[in-house]
Amino acid sequence: VDAVESELDEVKHDLRNLTDFLQEIISGLYDLPWIQK
């Protein structure tokens, strides 16, 4: 259970990062090279 909870926390962190990245993309403030990087 401890191992699964730890892995779940990592997945939640990755999801937050991806969500933030998608919000940055749709904001239109960044150009394509920055988005690719």
Full PDB file with SEQRES, HELIX, SHEET, SSBOND, CRYST1, ORIGX, SCALE, CONECT and MASTER records, all heavy atoms in Angstrom:
SEQRES   1 A   37  VAL ASP ALA VAL GLU SER GLU LEU ASP GLU VAL LYS HIS          
SEQRES   2 A   37  ASP LEU ARG ASN LEU THR ASP PHE LEU GLN GLU ILE ILE          
SEQRES   3 A   37  SER GLY LEU TYR ASP LEU PRO TRP ILE GLN LYS                  
HELIX    1 AA1 ASP A    2  SER A   27  1                                  26    
HELIX    2 AA2 LEU A   32  GLN A   36  1                                   5    
CRYST1    1.000    1.000    1.000  90.00  90.00  90.00 P 1           1          
ORIGX1      1.000000  0.000000  0.000000        0.00000                         
ORIGX2      0.000000  1.000000  0.000000        0.00000                         
ORIGX3      0.000000  0.000000  1.000000        0.00000                         
SCALE1      1.000000  0.000000  0.000000        0.00000                         
SCALE2      0.000000  1.000000  0.000000        0.00000                         
SCALE3      0.000000  0.000000  1.000000        0.00000                         
ATOM      1  N   VAL A   1       0.846  -1.202   0.000  1.00  0.00           N  
ATOM      2  CA  VAL A   1       0.000   0.000   0.000  1.00  0.00           C  
ATOM      3  C   VAL A   1       0.877   1.245   0.000  1.00  0.00           C  
ATOM      4  O   VAL A   1       0.611   2.203  -0.737  1.00  0.00           O  
ATOM      5  CB  VAL A   1      -0.967  -0.008   1.212  1.00  0.00           C  
ATOM      6  CG1 VAL A   1      -1.596   1.354   1.417  1.00  0.00           C  
ATOM      7  CG2 VAL A   1      -2.049  -1.056   1.012  1.00  0.00           C  
ATOM      8  N   ASP A   2       1.932   1.248   0.810  1.00  0.00           N  
ATOM      9  CA  ASP A   2       2.843   2.394   0.839  1.00  0.00           C  
ATOM     10  C   ASP A   2       3.474   2.636  -0.532  1.00  0.00           C  
ATOM     11  O   ASP A   2       3.575   3.780  -0.993  1.00  0.00           O  
ATOM     12  CB  ASP A   2       3.933   2.189   1.891  1.00  0.00           C  
ATOM     13  CG  ASP A   2       3.406   2.275   3.315  1.00  0.00           C  
ATOM     14  OD1 ASP A   2       2.295   2.809   3.516  1.00  0.00           O  
ATOM     15  OD2 ASP A   2       4.111   1.799   4.234  1.00  0.00           O  
ATOM     16  N   ALA A   3       3.893   1.562  -1.187  1.00  0.00           N  
ATOM     17  CA  ALA A   3       4.503   1.690  -2.515  1.00  0.00           C  
ATOM     18  C   ALA A   3       3.502   2.235  -3.531  1.00  0.00           C  
ATOM     19  O   ALA A   3       3.834   3.117  -4.336  1.00  0.00           O  
ATOM     20  CB  ALA A   3       5.044   0.340  -2.974  1.00  0.00           C  
ATOM     21  N   VAL A   4       2.273   1.748  -3.488  1.00  0.00           N  
ATOM     22  CA  VAL A   4       1.243   2.209  -4.425  1.00  0.00           C  
ATOM     23  C   VAL A   4       0.892   3.666  -4.149  1.00  0.00           C  
ATOM     24  O   VAL A   4       0.716   4.459  -5.085  1.00  0.00           O  
ATOM     25  CB  VAL A   4      -0.009   1.303  -4.352  1.00  0.00           C  
ATOM     26  CG1 VAL A   4      -1.179   1.911  -5.090  1.00  0.00           C  
ATOM     27  CG2 VAL A   4       0.312  -0.071  -4.907  1.00  0.00           C  
ATOM     28  N   GLU A   5       0.805   4.052  -2.885  1.00  0.00           N  
ATOM     29  CA  GLU A   5       0.515   5.445  -2.548  1.00  0.00           C  
ATOM     30  C   GLU A   5       1.626   6.368  -3.046  1.00  0.00           C  
ATOM     31  O   GLU A   5       1.357   7.459  -3.552  1.00  0.00           O  
ATOM     32  CB  GLU A   5       0.314   5.611  -1.045  1.00  0.00           C  
ATOM     33  CG  GLU A   5      -1.012   5.065  -0.558  1.00  0.00           C  
ATOM     34  CD  GLU A   5      -1.179   5.149   0.954  1.00  0.00           C  
ATOM     35  OE1 GLU A   5      -0.166   5.347   1.666  1.00  0.00           O  
ATOM     36  OE2 GLU A   5      -2.318   5.026   1.409  1.00  0.00           O  
ATOM     37  N   SER A   6       2.865   5.934  -2.911  1.00  0.00           N  
ATOM     38  CA  SER A   6       3.996   6.716  -3.397  1.00  0.00           C  
ATOM     39  C   SER A   6       3.927   6.888  -4.913  1.00  0.00           C  
ATOM     40  O   SER A   6       4.124   7.987  -5.447  1.00  0.00           O  
ATOM     41  CB  SER A   6       5.302   6.040  -2.995  1.00  0.00           C  
ATOM     42  OG  SER A   6       6.400   6.732  -3.517  1.00  0.00           O  
ATOM     43  N   GLU A   7       3.633   5.800  -5.602  1.00  0.00           N  
ATOM     44  CA  GLU A   7       3.510   5.863  -7.058  1.00  0.00           C  
ATOM     45  C   GLU A   7       2.339   6.757  -7.467  1.00  0.00           C  
ATOM     46  O   GLU A   7       2.436   7.524  -8.433  1.00  0.00           O  
ATOM     47  CB  GLU A   7       3.323   4.457  -7.621  1.00  0.00           C  
ATOM     48  CG  GLU A   7       3.350   4.401  -9.130  1.00  0.00           C  
ATOM     49  CD  GLU A   7       3.265   2.981  -9.655  1.00  0.00           C  
ATOM     50  OE1 GLU A   7       3.559   2.039  -8.910  1.00  0.00           O  
ATOM     51  OE2 GLU A   7       2.895   2.828 -10.838  1.00  0.00           O  
ATOM     52  N   LEU A   8       1.250   6.700  -6.733  1.00  0.00           N  
ATOM     53  CA  LEU A   8       0.096   7.549  -7.018  1.00  0.00           C  
ATOM     54  C   LEU A   8       0.461   9.022  -6.866  1.00  0.00           C  
ATOM     55  O   LEU A   8       0.052   9.854  -7.689  1.00  0.00           O  
ATOM     56  CB  LEU A   8      -1.063   7.186  -6.088  1.00  0.00           C  
ATOM     57  CG  LEU A   8      -2.345   8.016  -6.246  1.00  0.00           C  
ATOM     58  CD1 LEU A   8      -2.919   7.870  -7.656  1.00  0.00           C  
ATOM     59  CD2 LEU A   8      -3.364   7.600  -5.198  1.00  0.00           C  
ATOM     60  N   ASP A   9       1.233   9.358  -5.848  1.00  0.00           N  
ATOM     61  CA  ASP A   9       1.669  10.747  -5.669  1.00  0.00           C  
ATOM     62  C   ASP A   9       2.507  11.219  -6.859  1.00  0.00           C  
ATOM     63  O   ASP A   9       2.356  12.358  -7.324  1.00  0.00           O  
ATOM     64  CB  ASP A   9       2.474  10.893  -4.375  1.00  0.00           C  
ATOM     65  CG  ASP A   9       1.610  10.763  -3.120  1.00  0.00           C  
ATOM     66  OD1 ASP A   9       0.375  10.933  -3.236  1.00  0.00           O  
ATOM     67  OD2 ASP A   9       2.177  10.488  -2.047  1.00  0.00           O  
ATOM     68  N   GLU A  10       3.372  10.331  -7.357  1.00  0.00           N  
ATOM     69  CA  GLU A  10       4.186  10.677  -8.529  1.00  0.00           C  
ATOM     70  C   GLU A  10       3.302  10.908  -9.758  1.00  0.00           C  
ATOM     71  O   GLU A  10       3.533  11.843 -10.522  1.00  0.00           O  
ATOM     72  CB  GLU A  10       5.197   9.572  -8.816  1.00  0.00           C  
ATOM     73  CG  GLU A  10       6.284   9.450  -7.772  1.00  0.00           C  
ATOM     74  CD  GLU A  10       7.191   8.257  -8.007  1.00  0.00           C  
ATOM     75  OE1 GLU A  10       7.158   7.662  -9.107  1.00  0.00           O  
ATOM     76  OE2 GLU A  10       7.944   7.911  -7.077  1.00  0.00           O  
ATOM     77  N   VAL A  11       2.301  10.069  -9.941  1.00  0.00           N  
ATOM     78  CA  VAL A  11       1.398  10.211 -11.081  1.00  0.00           C  
ATOM     79  C   VAL A  11       0.605  11.516 -10.972  1.00  0.00           C  
ATOM     80  O   VAL A  11       0.419  12.224 -11.972  1.00  0.00           O  
ATOM     81  CB  VAL A  11       0.461   8.983 -11.191  1.00  0.00           C  
ATOM     82  CG1 VAL A  11      -0.655   9.227 -12.191  1.00  0.00           C  
ATOM     83  CG2 VAL A  11       1.258   7.748 -11.563  1.00  0.00           C  
ATOM     84  N   LYS A  12       0.169  11.858  -9.768  1.00  0.00           N  
ATOM     85  CA  LYS A  12      -0.556  13.124  -9.570  1.00  0.00           C  
ATOM     86  C   LYS A  12       0.337  14.316  -9.916  1.00  0.00           C  
ATOM     87  O   LYS A  12      -0.116  15.279 -10.534  1.00  0.00           O  
ATOM     88  CB  LYS A  12      -1.045  13.236  -8.130  1.00  0.00           C  
ATOM     89  CG  LYS A  12      -2.224  12.369  -7.801  1.00  0.00           C  
ATOM     90  CD  LYS A  12      -2.625  12.543  -6.339  1.00  0.00           C  
ATOM     91  CE  LYS A  12      -3.785  11.677  -5.945  1.00  0.00           C  
ATOM     92  NZ  LYS A  12      -4.150  11.852  -4.528  1.00  0.00           N  
ATOM     93  N   HIS A  13       1.607  14.232  -9.530  1.00  0.00           N  
ATOM     94  CA  HIS A  13       2.558  15.307  -9.832  1.00  0.00           C  
ATOM     95  C   HIS A  13       2.738  15.443 -11.347  1.00  0.00           C  
ATOM     96  O   HIS A  13       2.734  16.565 -11.889  1.00  0.00           O  
ATOM     97  CB  HIS A  13       3.902  15.019  -9.145  1.00  0.00           C  
ATOM     98  CG  HIS A  13       4.936  16.047  -9.386  1.00  0.00           C  
ATOM     99  ND1 HIS A  13       4.886  17.301  -8.827  1.00  0.00           N  
ATOM    100  CD2 HIS A  13       6.057  16.009 -10.148  1.00  0.00           C  
ATOM    101  CE1 HIS A  13       5.926  18.005  -9.223  1.00  0.00           C  
ATOM    102  NE2 HIS A  13       6.659  17.231 -10.029  1.00  0.00           N  
ATOM    103  N   ASP A  14       2.892  14.311 -12.035  1.00  0.00           N  
ATOM    104  CA  ASP A  14       3.027  14.332 -13.494  1.00  0.00           C  
ATOM    105  C   ASP A  14       1.778  14.922 -14.145  1.00  0.00           C  
ATOM    106  O   ASP A  14       1.878  15.704 -15.103  1.00  0.00           O  
ATOM    107  CB  ASP A  14       3.275  12.928 -14.042  1.00  0.00           C  
ATOM    108  CG  ASP A  14       4.649  12.393 -13.686  1.00  0.00           C  
ATOM    109  OD1 ASP A  14       5.518  13.193 -13.272  1.00  0.00           O  
ATOM    110  OD2 ASP A  14       4.860  11.163 -13.822  1.00  0.00           O  
ATOM    111  N   LEU A  15       0.614  14.572 -13.640  1.00  0.00           N  
ATOM    112  CA  LEU A  15      -0.634  15.099 -14.191  1.00  0.00           C  
ATOM    113  C   LEU A  15      -0.708  16.612 -14.029  1.00  0.00           C  
ATOM    114  O   LEU A  15      -1.121  17.325 -14.947  1.00  0.00           O  
ATOM    115  CB  LEU A  15      -1.840  14.422 -13.520  1.00  0.00           C  
ATOM    116  CG  LEU A  15      -3.217  14.891 -13.986  1.00  0.00           C  
ATOM    117  CD1 LEU A  15      -3.397  14.625 -15.481  1.00  0.00           C  
ATOM    118  CD2 LEU A  15      -4.301  14.220 -13.180  1.00  0.00           C  
ATOM    119  N   ARG A  16      -0.289  17.108 -12.852  1.00  0.00           N  
ATOM    120  CA  ARG A  16      -0.276  18.569 -12.652  1.00  0.00           C  
ATOM    121  C   ARG A  16       0.664  19.252 -13.645  1.00  0.00           C  
ATOM    122  O   ARG A  16       0.329  20.289 -14.223  1.00  0.00           O  
ATOM    123  CB  ARG A  16       0.143  18.905 -11.227  1.00  0.00           C  
ATOM    124  CG  ARG A  16      -0.984  18.846 -10.215  1.00  0.00           C  
ATOM    125  CD  ARG A  16      -0.559  19.453  -8.878  1.00  0.00           C  
ATOM    126  NE  ARG A  16       0.568  18.713  -8.298  1.00  0.00           N  
ATOM    127  CZ  ARG A  16       0.451  17.738  -7.417  1.00  0.00           C  
ATOM    128  NH1 ARG A  16      -0.729  17.386  -6.981  1.00  0.00           N  
ATOM    129  NH2 ARG A  16       1.518  17.113  -6.961  1.00  0.00           N  
ATOM    130  N   ASN A  17       1.853  18.651 -13.840  1.00  0.00           N  
ATOM    131  CA  ASN A  17       2.806  19.232 -14.799  1.00  0.00           C  
ATOM    132  C   ASN A  17       2.240  19.258 -16.213  1.00  0.00           C  
ATOM    133  O   ASN A  17       2.385  20.253 -16.929  1.00  0.00           O  
ATOM    134  CB  ASN A  17       4.120  18.458 -14.781  1.00  0.00           C  
ATOM    135  CG  ASN A  17       4.944  18.746 -13.553  1.00  0.00           C  
ATOM    136  OD1 ASN A  17       4.781  19.772 -12.906  1.00  0.00           O  
ATOM    137  ND2 ASN A  17       5.834  17.818 -13.214  1.00  0.00           N  
ATOM    138  N   LEU A  18       1.598  18.167 -16.610  1.00  0.00           N  
ATOM    139  CA  LEU A  18       1.012  18.115 -17.958  1.00  0.00           C  
ATOM    140  C   LEU A  18      -0.143  19.108 -18.106  1.00  0.00           C  
ATOM    141  O   LEU A  18      -0.286  19.762 -19.144  1.00  0.00           O  
ATOM    142  CB  LEU A  18       0.544  16.696 -18.273  1.00  0.00           C  
ATOM    143  CG  LEU A  18       1.646  15.692 -18.548  1.00  0.00           C  
ATOM    144  CD1 LEU A  18       1.058  14.285 -18.656  1.00  0.00           C  
ATOM    145  CD2 LEU A  18       2.421  16.050 -19.795  1.00  0.00           C  
ATOM    146  N   THR A  19      -0.948  19.219 -17.083  1.00  0.00           N  
ATOM    147  CA  THR A  19      -2.064  20.171 -17.118  1.00  0.00           C  
ATOM    148  C   THR A  19      -1.539  21.600 -17.226  1.00  0.00           C  
ATOM    149  O   THR A  19      -2.053  22.404 -18.018  1.00  0.00           O  
ATOM    150  CB  THR A  19      -2.943  20.015 -15.857  1.00  0.00           C  
ATOM    151  OG1 THR A  19      -3.408  18.677 -15.781  1.00  0.00           O  
ATOM    152  CG2 THR A  19      -4.135  20.961 -15.896  1.00  0.00           C  
ATOM    153  N   ASP A  20      -0.505  21.916 -16.451  1.00  0.00           N  
ATOM    154  CA  ASP A  20       0.103  23.250 -16.531  1.00  0.00           C  
ATOM    155  C   ASP A  20       0.658  23.508 -17.934  1.00  0.00           C  
ATOM    156  O   ASP A  20       0.504  24.600 -18.497  1.00  0.00           O  
ATOM    157  CB  ASP A  20       1.222  23.405 -15.504  1.00  0.00           C  
ATOM    158  CG  ASP A  20       0.711  23.439 -14.067  1.00  0.00           C  
ATOM    159  OD1 ASP A  20      -0.508  23.628 -13.860  1.00  0.00           O  
ATOM    160  OD2 ASP A  20       1.549  23.257 -13.151  1.00  0.00           O  
ATOM    161  N   PHE A  21       1.310  22.493 -18.495  1.00  0.00           N  
ATOM    162  CA  PHE A  21       1.874  22.630 -19.832  1.00  0.00           C  
ATOM    163  C   PHE A  21       0.780  22.867 -20.865  1.00  0.00           C  
ATOM    164  O   PHE A  21       0.907  23.752 -21.740  1.00  0.00           O  
ATOM    165  CB  PHE A  21       2.693  21.390 -20.186  1.00  0.00           C  
ATOM    166  CG  PHE A  21       3.256  21.397 -21.556  1.00  0.00           C  
ATOM    167  CD1 PHE A  21       4.187  22.370 -21.943  1.00  0.00           C  
ATOM    168  CD2 PHE A  21       2.890  20.452 -22.498  1.00  0.00           C  
ATOM    169  CE1 PHE A  21       4.720  22.375 -23.223  1.00  0.00           C  
ATOM    170  CE2 PHE A  21       3.416  20.463 -23.769  1.00  0.00           C  
ATOM    171  CZ  PHE A  21       4.335  21.415 -24.142  1.00  0.00           C  
ATOM    172  N   LEU A  22      -0.300  22.141 -20.778  1.00  0.00           N  
ATOM    173  CA  LEU A  22      -1.407  22.334 -21.722  1.00  0.00           C  
ATOM    174  C   LEU A  22      -2.012  23.736 -21.586  1.00  0.00           C  
ATOM    175  O   LEU A  22      -2.372  24.370 -22.589  1.00  0.00           O  
ATOM    176  CB  LEU A  22      -2.480  21.258 -21.517  1.00  0.00           C  
ATOM    177  CG  LEU A  22      -2.083  19.847 -21.945  1.00  0.00           C  
ATOM    178  CD1 LEU A  22      -3.171  18.849 -21.545  1.00  0.00           C  
ATOM    179  CD2 LEU A  22      -1.805  19.784 -23.436  1.00  0.00           C  
ATOM    180  N   GLN A  23      -2.094  24.221 -20.365  1.00  0.00           N  
ATOM    181  CA  GLN A  23      -2.613  25.578 -20.164  1.00  0.00           C  
ATOM    182  C   GLN A  23      -1.671  26.616 -20.780  1.00  0.00           C  
ATOM    183  O   GLN A  23      -2.117  27.613 -21.351  1.00  0.00           O  
ATOM    184  CB  GLN A  23      -2.810  25.855 -18.672  1.00  0.00           C  
ATOM    185  CG  GLN A  23      -3.991  25.114 -18.083  1.00  0.00           C  
ATOM    186  CD  GLN A  23      -4.105  25.281 -16.574  1.00  0.00           C  
ATOM    187  OE1 GLN A  23      -3.157  25.681 -15.913  1.00  0.00           O  
ATOM    188  NE2 GLN A  23      -5.274  24.956 -16.040  1.00  0.00           N  
ATOM    189  N   GLU A  24      -0.366  26.385 -20.681  1.00  0.00           N  
ATOM    190  CA  GLU A  24       0.602  27.283 -21.302  1.00  0.00           C  
ATOM    191  C   GLU A  24       0.465  27.266 -22.824  1.00  0.00           C  
ATOM    192  O   GLU A  24       0.575  28.310 -23.488  1.00  0.00           O  
ATOM    193  CB  GLU A  24       2.024  26.907 -20.888  1.00  0.00           C  
ATOM    194  CG  GLU A  24       2.317  27.182 -19.431  1.00  0.00           C  
ATOM    195  CD  GLU A  24       3.623  26.561 -18.954  1.00  0.00           C  
ATOM    196  OE1 GLU A  24       4.229  25.744 -19.688  1.00  0.00           O  
ATOM    197  OE2 GLU A  24       4.042  26.891 -17.823  1.00  0.00           O  
ATOM    198  N   ILE A  25       0.224  26.083 -23.388  1.00  0.00           N  
ATOM    199  CA  ILE A  25       0.061  25.973 -24.846  1.00  0.00           C  
ATOM    200  C   ILE A  25      -1.161  26.751 -25.306  1.00  0.00           C  
ATOM    201  O   ILE A  25      -1.088  27.543 -26.260  1.00  0.00           O  
ATOM    202  CB  ILE A  25      -0.041  24.499 -25.284  1.00  0.00           C  
ATOM    203  CG1 ILE A  25       1.295  23.787 -25.097  1.00  0.00           C  
ATOM    204  CG2 ILE A  25      -0.494  24.388 -26.736  1.00  0.00           C  
ATOM    205  CD1 ILE A  25       1.243  22.293 -25.357  1.00  0.00           C  
ATOM    206  N   ILE A  26      -2.294  26.533 -24.641  1.00  0.00           N  
ATOM    207  CA  ILE A  26      -3.526  27.179 -25.115  1.00  0.00           C  
ATOM    208  C   ILE A  26      -3.580  28.668 -24.775  1.00  0.00           C  
ATOM    209  O   ILE A  26      -4.402  29.387 -25.330  1.00  0.00           O  
ATOM    210  CB  ILE A  26      -4.785  26.462 -24.578  1.00  0.00           C  
ATOM    211  CG1 ILE A  26      -4.864  26.522 -23.060  1.00  0.00           C  
ATOM    212  CG2 ILE A  26      -4.850  25.038 -25.074  1.00  0.00           C  
ATOM    213  CD1 ILE A  26      -6.174  26.032 -22.508  1.00  0.00           C  
ATOM    214  N   SER A  27      -2.669  29.122 -23.926  1.00  0.00           N  
ATOM    215  CA  SER A  27      -2.674  30.560 -23.607  1.00  0.00           C  
ATOM    216  C   SER A  27      -2.245  31.394 -24.816  1.00  0.00           C  
ATOM    217  O   SER A  27      -2.601  32.570 -24.912  1.00  0.00           O  
ATOM    218  CB  SER A  27      -1.752  30.850 -22.424  1.00  0.00           C  
ATOM    219  OG  SER A  27      -0.386  30.702 -22.798  1.00  0.00           O  
ATOM    220  N   GLY A  28      -1.462  30.783 -25.723  1.00  0.00           N  
ATOM    221  CA  GLY A  28      -1.027  31.500 -26.906  1.00  0.00           C  
ATOM    222  C   GLY A  28       0.138  32.437 -26.657  1.00  0.00           C  
ATOM    223  O   GLY A  28       0.528  33.191 -27.538  1.00  0.00           O  
ATOM    224  N   LEU A  29       0.700  32.416 -25.486  1.00  0.00           N  
ATOM    225  CA  LEU A  29       1.803  33.319 -25.142  1.00  0.00           C  
ATOM    226  C   LEU A  29       3.161  32.810 -25.611  1.00  0.00           C  
ATOM    227  O   LEU A  29       4.124  33.573 -25.651  1.00  0.00           O  
ATOM    228  CB  LEU A  29       1.851  33.538 -23.632  1.00  0.00           C  
ATOM    229  CG  LEU A  29       0.620  34.185 -22.992  1.00  0.00           C  
ATOM    230  CD1 LEU A  29       0.766  34.212 -21.471  1.00  0.00           C  
ATOM    231  CD2 LEU A  29       0.443  35.609 -23.529  1.00  0.00           C  
ATOM    232  N   TYR A  30       3.242  31.540 -25.960  1.00  0.00           N  
ATOM    233  CA  TYR A  30       4.545  30.940 -26.275  1.00  0.00           C  
ATOM    234  C   TYR A  30       4.591  30.479 -27.725  1.00  0.00           C  
ATOM    235  O   TYR A  30       3.593  30.007 -28.275  1.00  0.00           O  
ATOM    236  CB  TYR A  30       4.813  29.765 -25.341  1.00  0.00           C  
ATOM    237  CG  TYR A  30       4.769  30.168 -23.875  1.00  0.00           C  
ATOM    238  CD1 TYR A  30       3.631  29.941 -23.109  1.00  0.00           C  
ATOM    239  CD2 TYR A  30       5.856  30.791 -23.295  1.00  0.00           C  
ATOM    240  CE1 TYR A  30       3.590  30.326 -21.771  1.00  0.00           C  
ATOM    241  CE2 TYR A  30       5.825  31.185 -21.957  1.00  0.00           C  
ATOM    242  CZ  TYR A  30       4.691  30.943 -21.201  1.00  0.00           C  
ATOM    243  OH  TYR A  30       4.651  31.341 -19.886  1.00  0.00           O  
ATOM    244  N   ASP A  31       5.778  30.614 -28.331  1.00  0.00           N  
ATOM    245  CA  ASP A  31       5.940  30.194 -29.724  1.00  0.00           C  
ATOM    246  C   ASP A  31       6.266  28.699 -29.798  1.00  0.00           C  
ATOM    247  O   ASP A  31       6.529  28.052 -28.790  1.00  0.00           O  
ATOM    248  CB  ASP A  31       7.013  31.030 -30.417  1.00  0.00           C  
ATOM    249  CG  ASP A  31       8.369  30.915 -29.745  1.00  0.00           C  
ATOM    250  OD1 ASP A  31       8.453  30.263 -28.680  1.00  0.00           O  
ATOM    251  OD2 ASP A  31       9.351  31.457 -30.288  1.00  0.00           O  
ATOM    252  N   LEU A  32       6.237  28.180 -31.007  1.00  0.00           N  
ATOM    253  CA  LEU A  32       6.412  26.739 -31.218  1.00  0.00           C  
ATOM    254  C   LEU A  32       7.749  26.204 -30.705  1.00  0.00           C  
ATOM    255  O   LEU A  32       7.765  25.160 -30.058  1.00  0.00           O  
ATOM    256  CB  LEU A  32       6.217  26.394 -32.705  1.00  0.00           C  
ATOM    257  CG  LEU A  32       6.279  24.917 -33.048  1.00  0.00           C  
ATOM    258  CD1 LEU A  32       5.220  24.130 -32.291  1.00  0.00           C  
ATOM    259  CD2 LEU A  32       6.125  24.711 -34.547  1.00  0.00           C  
ATOM    260  N   PRO A  33       8.878  26.853 -30.938  1.00  0.00           N  
ATOM    261  CA  PRO A  33      10.141  26.317 -30.416  1.00  0.00           C  
ATOM    262  C   PRO A  33      10.146  26.186 -28.887  1.00  0.00           C  
ATOM    263  O   PRO A  33      10.660  25.204 -28.342  1.00  0.00           O  
ATOM    264  CB  PRO A  33      11.203  27.314 -30.889  1.00  0.00           C  
ATOM    265  CG  PRO A  33      10.603  27.971 -32.082  1.00  0.00           C  
ATOM    266  CD  PRO A  33       9.125  28.004 -31.821  1.00  0.00           C  
ATOM    267  N   TRP A  34       9.552  27.158 -28.187  1.00  0.00           N  
ATOM    268  CA  TRP A  34       9.499  27.082 -26.718  1.00  0.00           C  
ATOM    269  C   TRP A  34       8.636  25.896 -26.285  1.00  0.00           C  
ATOM    270  O   TRP A  34       8.993  25.150 -25.370  1.00  0.00           O  
ATOM    271  CB  TRP A  34       8.930  28.378 -26.130  1.00  0.00           C  
ATOM    272  CG  TRP A  34       8.914  28.354 -24.635  1.00  0.00           C  
ATOM    273  CD1 TRP A  34       9.891  28.753 -23.803  1.00  0.00           C  
ATOM    274  CD2 TRP A  34       7.848  27.866 -23.802  1.00  0.00           C  
ATOM    275  NE1 TRP A  34       9.524  28.553 -22.500  1.00  0.00           N  
ATOM    276  CE2 TRP A  34       8.270  28.000 -22.459  1.00  0.00           C  
ATOM    277  CE3 TRP A  34       6.590  27.319 -24.044  1.00  0.00           C  
ATOM    278  CZ2 TRP A  34       7.482  27.614 -21.382  1.00  0.00           C  
ATOM    279  CZ3 TRP A  34       5.810  26.945 -22.966  1.00  0.00           C  
ATOM    280  CH2 TRP A  34       6.258  27.084 -21.654  1.00  0.00           C  
ATOM    281  N   ILE A  35       7.510  25.716 -26.952  1.00  0.00           N  
ATOM    282  CA  ILE A  35       6.594  24.615 -26.627  1.00  0.00           C  
ATOM    283  C   ILE A  35       7.289  23.269 -26.860  1.00  0.00           C  
ATOM    284  O   ILE A  35       7.193  22.362 -26.033  1.00  0.00           O  
ATOM    285  CB  ILE A  35       5.294  24.716 -27.447  1.00  0.00           C  
ATOM    286  CG1 ILE A  35       4.489  25.946 -26.995  1.00  0.00           C  
ATOM    287  CG2 ILE A  35       4.455  23.451 -27.328  1.00  0.00           C  
ATOM    288  CD1 ILE A  35       3.294  26.266 -27.862  1.00  0.00           C  
ATOM    289  N   GLN A  36       8.014  23.152 -27.990  1.00  0.00           N  
ATOM    290  CA  GLN A  36       8.716  21.908 -28.283  1.00  0.00           C  
ATOM    291  C   GLN A  36       9.803  21.624 -27.242  1.00  0.00           C  
ATOM    292  O   GLN A  36       9.963  20.484 -26.789  1.00  0.00           O  
ATOM    293  CB  GLN A  36       9.335  21.969 -29.685  1.00  0.00           C  
ATOM    294  CG  GLN A  36       8.303  21.912 -30.790  1.00  0.00           C  
ATOM    295  CD  GLN A  36       8.911  22.143 -32.168  1.00  0.00           C  
ATOM    296  OE1 GLN A  36       9.950  22.798 -32.305  1.00  0.00           O  
ATOM    297  NE2 GLN A  36       8.242  21.623 -33.186  1.00  0.00           N  
ATOM    298  N   LYS A  37      10.534  22.646 -26.856  1.00  0.00           N  
ATOM    299  CA  LYS A  37      11.587  22.490 -25.846  1.00  0.00           C  
ATOM    300  C   LYS A  37      10.982  22.072 -24.506  1.00  0.00           C  
ATOM    301  O   LYS A  37      11.474  21.167 -23.826  1.00  0.00           O  
ATOM    302  CB  LYS A  37      12.363  23.791 -25.707  1.00  0.00           C  
ATOM    303  CG  LYS A  37      13.503  23.718 -24.739  1.00  0.00           C  
ATOM    304  CD  LYS A  37      14.247  25.048 -24.664  1.00  0.00           C  
ATOM    305  CE  LYS A  37      15.291  24.993 -23.579  1.00  0.00           C  
ATOM    306  NZ  LYS A  37      15.957  26.275 -23.367  1.00  0.00           N  
TER     307      LYS A  37                                                      
MASTER        0    0    0    2    0    0    0    6  306    1    0    3          
END                                                                             
